[in-house]
């Protein structure tokens, strides 16, 4: 946790500097009139604090962070923390469901491929992993929309978390699937789930590639180990060898990969959210980047960095749960 502090400071500094070197002037972009004069633009620059030096701007930004202020969005005119709080549940819900879909597919696929090395299942696993790693997630999203919405008309219109004309239940957690169940509105629950399937499936393909590849490689290494051969020589049942010895020991590198994939999915779903009009923080950050709205982009990167560090901590804890030999010594 202490090591996370310099990492987050580096993330904050790098994001701040990268936003300032982007071409364009936010003051000119947000001027009230397209024919705004130089005096009006300069007044807006002073209002936004862009007339100060980079060091002064960075110090003001850090001072705000220490007091819990992420800045004000020029586009919405609201506190960025409020905008993120409204949109973050949509991103987490999408990423988590996509991760569950990907992991539930990738791990059995990798295990079966390792058990039947050289078979058609093994070759199919490697092809799926290669294709999933090579293709961008938004490409799969567009492909799924074209097939299941346009050609087959099986999927709903990709316009967000609910179909047109539907209203969300009273907000409790912000997670639509949970809020609909809590409200007892199961009709809206199924409608929200149908809206979620295609974007989650397009992101799940991104998760299948690394997890299945790592599961296969880890299982192959464990199955050829001395303790597995000894267990076979003792005549233990295949199921016991597979579950108690092979899979449990093969999970350590897989857990690392799964944690990295989940944290990456939270920050890398920007284009998927745009393709499906999903109201998450990724689409919010992309719109802000196009509009040269500094504060939301900086807040987005900081939130993703914090979640990345937190997931790494959970991975360390998961290590100790899977393998008791793993301990952190102070």
Protein backbone atom coordinates (compact mmCIF):
# COMPACT_ATOMS: atom_id res chain seq x y z
CA UNK A 1 0.00 0.00 0.00
CA UNK A 2 2.91 2.35 0.70
CA UNK A 3 4.41 1.51 -2.70
CA UNK A 4 1.13 2.63 -4.29
CA UNK A 5 1.68 6.25 -3.19
CA UNK A 6 4.57 7.09 -5.60
CA UNK A 7 2.79 5.14 -8.35
CA UNK A 8 -0.34 7.26 -8.01
CA UNK A 9 1.71 10.47 -7.79
CA UNK A 10 3.43 9.50 -11.04
CA UNK A 11 0.07 8.78 -12.66
CA UNK A 12 -1.29 12.16 -11.57
CA UNK A 13 1.79 14.06 -12.79
CA UNK A 14 1.99 12.24 -16.13
CA UNK A 15 -1.71 12.74 -16.86
CA UNK A 16 -1.53 16.42 -15.92
CA UNK A 17 1.43 17.05 -18.24
CA UNK A 18 0.04 15.02 -21.13
CA UNK A 19 -3.23 16.93 -21.04
CA UNK A 20 -1.35 20.24 -21.17
CA UNK A 21 0.70 19.30 -24.24
CA UNK A 22 -2.38 18.39 -26.28
CA UNK A 23 -2.97 20.78 -29.19
CA UNK A 24 -5.78 23.28 -28.79
CA UNK A 25 -6.90 25.88 -26.28
CA UNK A 26 -9.79 24.95 -23.96
CA UNK A 27 -10.65 28.61 -23.50
CA UNK A 28 -11.04 29.13 -27.26
CA UNK A 29 -12.98 25.87 -27.51
CA UNK A 30 -15.47 26.83 -24.81
CA UNK A 31 -15.82 30.48 -25.72
CA UNK A 32 -19.48 31.47 -25.69
CA UNK A 33 -19.36 32.56 -29.32
CA UNK A 34 -17.47 31.11 -32.29
CA UNK A 35 -16.46 34.69 -33.12
CA UNK A 36 -15.27 35.46 -29.60
CA UNK A 37 -12.56 38.06 -29.43
CA UNK A 38 -9.15 37.80 -27.85
CA UNK A 39 -10.24 39.66 -24.72
CA UNK A 40 -13.13 37.27 -24.10
CA UNK A 41 -10.87 34.23 -24.56
CA UNK A 42 -8.26 35.66 -22.20
CA UNK A 43 -10.93 36.32 -19.59
CA UNK A 44 -12.06 32.71 -19.84
CA UNK A 45 -8.45 31.53 -19.55
CA UNK A 46 -8.09 33.49 -16.30
CA UNK A 47 -11.36 32.05 -15.04
CA UNK A 48 -10.16 28.50 -15.76
CA UNK A 49 -6.72 29.19 -14.29
CA UNK A 50 -4.98 28.49 -17.60
CA UNK A 51 -3.09 31.80 -17.46
CA UNK A 52 -0.97 30.49 -14.59
CA UNK A 53 2.30 28.61 -14.98
CA UNK A 54 2.28 24.80 -15.18
CA UNK A 55 3.78 24.56 -11.69
CA UNK A 56 1.04 26.75 -10.22
CA UNK A 57 -1.68 24.81 -12.06
CA UNK A 58 -0.23 21.50 -10.87
CA UNK A 59 0.00 22.74 -7.27
CA UNK A 60 -3.63 23.89 -7.34
CA UNK A 61 -4.64 20.53 -8.77
CA UNK A 62 -2.73 18.63 -6.04
CA UNK A 63 -4.21 20.88 -3.35
CA UNK A 64 -7.66 20.02 -4.62
CA UNK A 65 -6.88 16.31 -4.59
CA UNK A 66 -5.72 16.44 -0.98
CA UNK A 67 -9.04 18.00 -0.03
CA UNK A 68 -11.04 15.49 -2.10
CA UNK A 69 -11.74 17.85 -5.01
CA UNK A 70 -11.28 16.39 -8.49
CA UNK A 71 -12.14 19.64 -10.26
CA UNK A 72 -15.09 21.07 -12.14
CA UNK A 73 -16.10 19.87 -15.60
CA UNK A 74 -16.31 22.73 -18.06
CA UNK A 75 -18.87 20.86 -20.16
CA UNK A 76 -21.33 19.86 -17.44
CA UNK A 77 -20.48 22.60 -14.96
CA UNK A 78 -20.61 19.99 -12.15
CA UNK A 79 -18.07 18.59 -9.75
CA UNK A 80 -16.20 15.81 -11.55
CA UNK A 81 -16.51 13.54 -8.52
CA UNK A 82 -20.30 13.75 -8.86
CA UNK A 83 -20.16 12.90 -12.56
CA UNK A 84 -17.88 9.93 -11.86
CA UNK A 85 -20.07 8.71 -9.01
CA UNK A 86 -23.06 8.72 -11.36
CA UNK A 87 -21.22 6.85 -14.13
CA UNK A 88 -18.80 4.55 -12.30
CA UNK A 89 -21.39 1.86 -11.39
CA UNK A 90 -22.24 1.44 -15.09
CA UNK A 91 -18.57 0.85 -15.93
CA UNK A 92 -17.97 -1.54 -13.03
CA UNK A 93 -21.15 -3.50 -13.79
CA UNK A 94 -20.17 -3.90 -17.45
CA UNK A 95 -16.55 -4.83 -16.67
CA UNK A 96 -17.48 -7.28 -13.91
CA UNK A 97 -20.11 -9.12 -15.96
CA UNK A 98 -17.74 -9.24 -18.93
CA UNK A 99 -14.97 -10.56 -16.70
CA UNK A 100 -17.21 -13.29 -15.28
CA UNK A 101 -18.25 -14.32 -18.79
CA UNK A 102 -14.64 -14.37 -19.97
CA UNK A 103 -13.23 -16.21 -16.95
CA UNK A 104 -16.06 -18.77 -16.94
CA UNK A 105 -15.22 -19.56 -20.57
CA UNK A 106 -11.44 -19.23 -20.54
CA UNK A 107 -10.52 -21.33 -17.49
CA UNK A 108 -12.39 -24.53 -18.50
CA UNK A 109 -11.14 -24.03 -22.06
CA UNK A 110 -7.52 -23.76 -20.89
CA UNK A 111 -7.83 -26.75 -18.55
CA UNK A 112 -9.35 -28.99 -21.22
CA UNK A 113 -6.74 -27.85 -23.76
CA UNK A 114 -3.95 -28.79 -21.34
CA UNK A 115 -5.51 -32.17 -20.54
CA UNK A 116 -5.89 -32.95 -24.25
CA UNK A 117 -2.69 -31.44 -25.57
CA UNK A 118 -2.42 -31.63 -29.34
CA UNK A 119 -6.15 -32.31 -29.86
CA UNK A 120 -8.56 -30.12 -31.83
CA UNK A 121 -9.66 -28.52 -28.57
CA UNK A 122 -6.08 -27.50 -27.86
CA UNK A 123 -5.68 -26.01 -31.34
CA UNK A 124 -9.04 -24.22 -31.03
CA UNK A 125 -7.96 -22.74 -27.69
CA UNK A 126 -4.78 -21.35 -29.21
CA UNK A 127 -6.63 -19.93 -32.21
CA UNK A 128 -9.21 -18.23 -29.97
CA UNK A 129 -6.44 -16.80 -27.78
CA UNK A 130 -4.54 -15.47 -30.79
CA UNK A 131 -7.60 -13.90 -32.40
CA UNK A 132 -8.79 -12.41 -29.12
CA UNK A 133 -5.39 -10.87 -28.46
CA UNK A 134 -5.00 -9.51 -32.00
CA UNK A 135 -8.41 -7.89 -32.50
CA UNK A 136 -9.50 -4.71 -30.67
CA UNK A 137 -12.55 -5.03 -28.43
CA UNK A 138 -14.60 -2.44 -30.30
CA UNK A 139 -14.23 -4.52 -33.49
CA UNK A 140 -15.97 -7.44 -31.79
CA UNK A 141 -18.60 -5.02 -30.52
CA UNK A 142 -19.36 -3.78 -34.03
CA UNK A 143 -19.37 -7.35 -35.32
CA UNK A 144 -21.80 -8.51 -32.63
CA UNK A 145 -24.11 -5.56 -33.30
CA UNK A 146 -24.08 -6.31 -37.03
CA UNK A 147 -24.86 -10.01 -36.57
CA UNK A 148 -27.19 -10.18 -33.59
CA UNK A 149 -28.95 -6.82 -33.86
CA UNK A 150 -28.93 -5.95 -37.57
CA UNK A 151 -29.02 -9.36 -39.29
CA UNK A 152 -30.74 -11.67 -36.79
CA UNK A 153 -32.68 -9.09 -34.73
CA UNK A 154 -32.02 -11.12 -31.57
CA UNK A 155 -30.41 -8.36 -29.53
CA UNK A 156 -31.94 -5.03 -28.46
CA UNK A 157 -30.86 -1.72 -29.89
CA UNK A 158 -27.41 -0.74 -28.51
CA UNK A 159 -28.45 2.55 -26.93
CA UNK A 160 -27.30 2.21 -23.34
CA UNK A 161 -28.34 0.41 -20.18
CA UNK A 162 -32.10 0.36 -20.88
CA UNK A 163 -34.24 0.30 -24.04
CA UNK A 164 -35.76 3.53 -25.30
CA UNK A 165 -38.70 4.68 -23.21
CA UNK A 166 -37.75 2.62 -20.14
CA UNK A 167 -37.05 4.30 -16.83
CA UNK A 168 -34.55 3.04 -14.24
CA UNK A 169 -35.67 2.02 -10.75
CA UNK A 170 -34.95 4.22 -7.72
CA UNK A 171 -31.19 4.52 -7.37
CA UNK A 172 -29.80 2.55 -4.44
CA UNK A 173 -26.37 1.32 -5.51
CA UNK A 174 -26.17 2.58 -9.08
CA UNK A 175 -25.78 -1.00 -10.31
CA UNK A 176 -28.85 -1.44 -12.45
CA UNK A 177 -29.14 -5.21 -12.06
CA UNK A 178 -29.00 -4.91 -8.27
CA UNK A 179 -31.36 -1.94 -8.07
CA UNK A 180 -34.00 -3.63 -10.22
CA UNK A 181 -33.93 -6.75 -8.02
CA UNK A 182 -34.09 -4.63 -4.87
CA UNK A 183 -37.12 -2.81 -6.29
CA UNK A 184 -38.76 -6.08 -7.31
CA UNK A 185 -38.92 -4.87 -10.91
CA UNK A 186 -37.91 -8.07 -12.69
CA UNK A 187 -39.21 -6.90 -16.07
CA UNK A 188 -36.72 -4.04 -16.03
CA UNK A 189 -34.07 -6.46 -14.74
CA UNK A 190 -34.40 -8.69 -17.81
CA UNK A 191 -34.46 -5.66 -20.09
CA UNK A 192 -31.25 -4.34 -18.50
CA UNK A 193 -29.63 -7.78 -18.71
CA UNK A 194 -30.44 -8.03 -22.42
CA UNK A 195 -28.87 -4.62 -22.99
CA UNK A 196 -25.78 -5.78 -21.09
CA UNK A 197 -25.13 -9.05 -22.96
CA UNK A 198 -23.63 -7.70 -26.21
CA UNK A 199 -21.21 -5.13 -24.72
CA UNK A 200 -20.18 -7.62 -22.03
CA UNK A 201 -19.62 -10.33 -24.64
CA UNK A 202 -17.42 -8.04 -26.75
CA UNK A 203 -15.28 -7.28 -23.70
CA UNK A 204 -15.30 -10.93 -22.56
CA UNK A 205 -13.49 -11.93 -25.75
CA UNK A 206 -10.68 -9.62 -24.64
CA UNK A 207 -10.51 -11.51 -21.32
CA UNK A 208 -10.68 -15.00 -22.83
CA UNK A 209 -7.40 -14.69 -24.73
CA UNK A 210 -4.90 -14.08 -21.86
CA UNK A 211 -6.73 -16.15 -19.24
CA UNK A 212 -7.12 -19.25 -21.43
CA UNK A 213 -3.52 -19.01 -22.60
CA UNK A 214 -2.16 -18.67 -19.07
CA UNK A 215 -4.43 -21.44 -17.74
CA UNK A 216 -3.26 -23.82 -20.46
CA UNK A 217 0.43 -23.03 -19.95
CA UNK A 218 0.19 -23.24 -16.16
CA UNK A 219 -1.72 -26.53 -16.27
CA UNK A 220 0.81 -28.07 -18.66
CA UNK A 221 3.61 -27.15 -16.27
CA UNK A 222 1.79 -28.56 -13.24
CA UNK A 223 0.71 -31.80 -14.96
CA UNK A 224 4.35 -32.58 -15.79
CA UNK A 225 5.58 -31.87 -12.24
CA UNK A 226 7.03 -34.47 -9.87
CA UNK A 227 4.26 -34.28 -7.27
CA UNK A 228 1.55 -34.94 -9.87
CA UNK A 229 3.48 -37.93 -11.20
CA UNK A 230 3.91 -39.16 -7.61
CA UNK A 231 0.17 -38.79 -6.99
CA UNK A 232 -0.52 -40.87 -10.09
CA UNK A 233 1.98 -43.50 -8.95
CA UNK A 234 0.16 -43.75 -5.61
CA UNK A 235 -3.02 -44.55 -7.53
CA UNK A 236 -5.01 -41.48 -6.48
CA UNK A 237 -8.21 -40.87 -8.49
CA UNK A 238 -7.82 -38.60 -11.51
CA UNK A 239 -10.41 -36.18 -10.14
CA UNK A 240 -8.50 -35.82 -6.86
CA UNK A 241 -5.22 -35.25 -8.69
CA UNK A 242 -6.82 -32.70 -11.00
CA UNK A 243 -8.74 -30.69 -8.37
CA UNK A 244 -6.55 -30.97 -5.27
CA UNK A 245 -3.09 -30.86 -6.82
CA UNK A 246 -3.12 -29.67 -10.42
CA UNK A 247 -5.73 -26.91 -10.61
CA UNK A 248 -4.96 -25.39 -7.22
CA UNK A 249 -1.25 -25.06 -7.94
CA UNK A 250 -1.89 -23.85 -11.47
CA UNK A 251 -4.12 -21.04 -10.19
CA UNK A 252 -1.33 -18.78 -8.91
CA UNK A 253 -0.21 -17.32 -12.27
CA UNK A 254 -3.82 -17.43 -13.47
CA UNK A 255 -4.93 -15.24 -10.54
CA UNK A 256 -2.27 -12.68 -11.48
CA UNK A 257 -3.47 -12.67 -15.07
CA UNK A 258 -7.12 -12.40 -14.03
CA UNK A 259 -6.39 -9.43 -11.80
CA UNK A 260 -4.47 -7.65 -14.55
CA UNK A 261 -7.24 -8.38 -17.06
CA UNK A 262 -9.99 -7.08 -14.76
CA UNK A 263 -8.14 -3.87 -13.95
CA UNK A 264 -7.36 -3.35 -17.63
CA UNK A 265 -10.99 -3.93 -18.60
CA UNK A 266 -12.15 -1.15 -16.29
CA UNK A 267 -9.93 1.38 -18.02
CA UNK A 268 -9.82 -0.04 -21.54
CA UNK A 269 -13.55 -0.22 -22.24
CA UNK A 270 -13.67 3.35 -23.54
CA UNK A 271 -14.43 2.49 -27.16
CA UNK A 272 -16.82 -0.33 -26.22
CA UNK A 273 -18.83 2.15 -24.15
CA UNK A 274 -18.94 4.54 -27.10
CA UNK A 275 -19.99 1.81 -29.54
CA UNK A 276 -22.89 0.72 -27.29
CA UNK A 277 -23.71 4.23 -25.98
CA UNK A 278 -22.95 2.95 -22.49
CA UNK A 279 -23.02 5.79 -19.92
CA UNK A 280 -19.81 4.83 -18.11
CA UNK A 281 -16.70 6.71 -17.10
CA UNK A 282 -14.84 5.57 -20.23
CA UNK A 283 -17.24 7.28 -22.62
CA UNK A 284 -17.30 10.28 -20.26
CA UNK A 285 -13.50 10.55 -20.36
CA UNK A 286 -13.39 10.21 -24.15
CA UNK A 287 -15.97 12.95 -24.64
CA UNK A 288 -14.04 15.15 -22.22
CA UNK A 289 -10.78 14.48 -24.04
CA UNK A 290 -12.31 15.52 -27.36
CA UNK A 291 -13.68 18.66 -25.69
CA UNK A 292 -10.32 19.48 -24.05
CA UNK A 293 -12.01 19.25 -20.64
CA UNK A 294 -8.98 18.54 -18.47
CA UNK A 295 -10.50 17.72 -15.08
CA UNK A 296 -12.66 14.70 -16.08
CA UNK A 297 -9.80 13.03 -17.97
CA UNK A 298 -7.40 13.51 -15.09
CA UNK A 299 -9.97 12.18 -12.64
CA UNK A 300 -10.69 9.18 -14.87
CA UNK A 301 -7.02 8.17 -15.03
CA UNK A 302 -6.63 8.66 -11.27
CA UNK A 303 -9.70 6.52 -10.47
CA UNK A 304 -8.51 3.75 -12.80
CA UNK A 305 -5.04 3.93 -11.20
CA UNK A 306 -6.49 3.59 -7.69
CA UNK A 307 -8.62 0.62 -8.75
CA UNK A 308 -5.60 -0.98 -10.43
CA UNK A 309 -3.55 -0.69 -7.24
CA UNK A 310 -6.45 -2.02 -5.14
CA UNK A 311 -6.86 -5.04 -7.41
CA UNK A 312 -3.14 -5.80 -7.14
CA UNK A 313 -3.52 -5.81 -3.36
CA UNK A 314 -6.43 -8.24 -3.65
CA UNK A 315 -4.27 -10.44 -5.88
CA UNK A 316 -1.63 -10.63 -3.13
CA UNK A 317 -4.32 -11.63 -0.65
CA UNK A 318 -5.66 -14.21 -3.09
CA UNK A 319 -2.17 -15.72 -3.34
CA UNK A 320 -2.15 -16.45 0.37
CA UNK A 321 -5.62 -18.00 0.20
CA UNK A 322 -4.79 -20.29 -2.73
CA UNK A 323 -1.30 -21.25 -1.58
CA UNK A 324 -0.66 -21.04 2.21
CA UNK A 325 3.09 -21.05 1.55
CA UNK A 326 2.84 -17.53 0.16
CA UNK A 327 3.24 -15.00 2.95
CA UNK A 328 4.13 -11.33 3.12
CA UNK A 329 6.92 -10.72 5.63
CA UNK A 330 7.29 -7.30 7.22
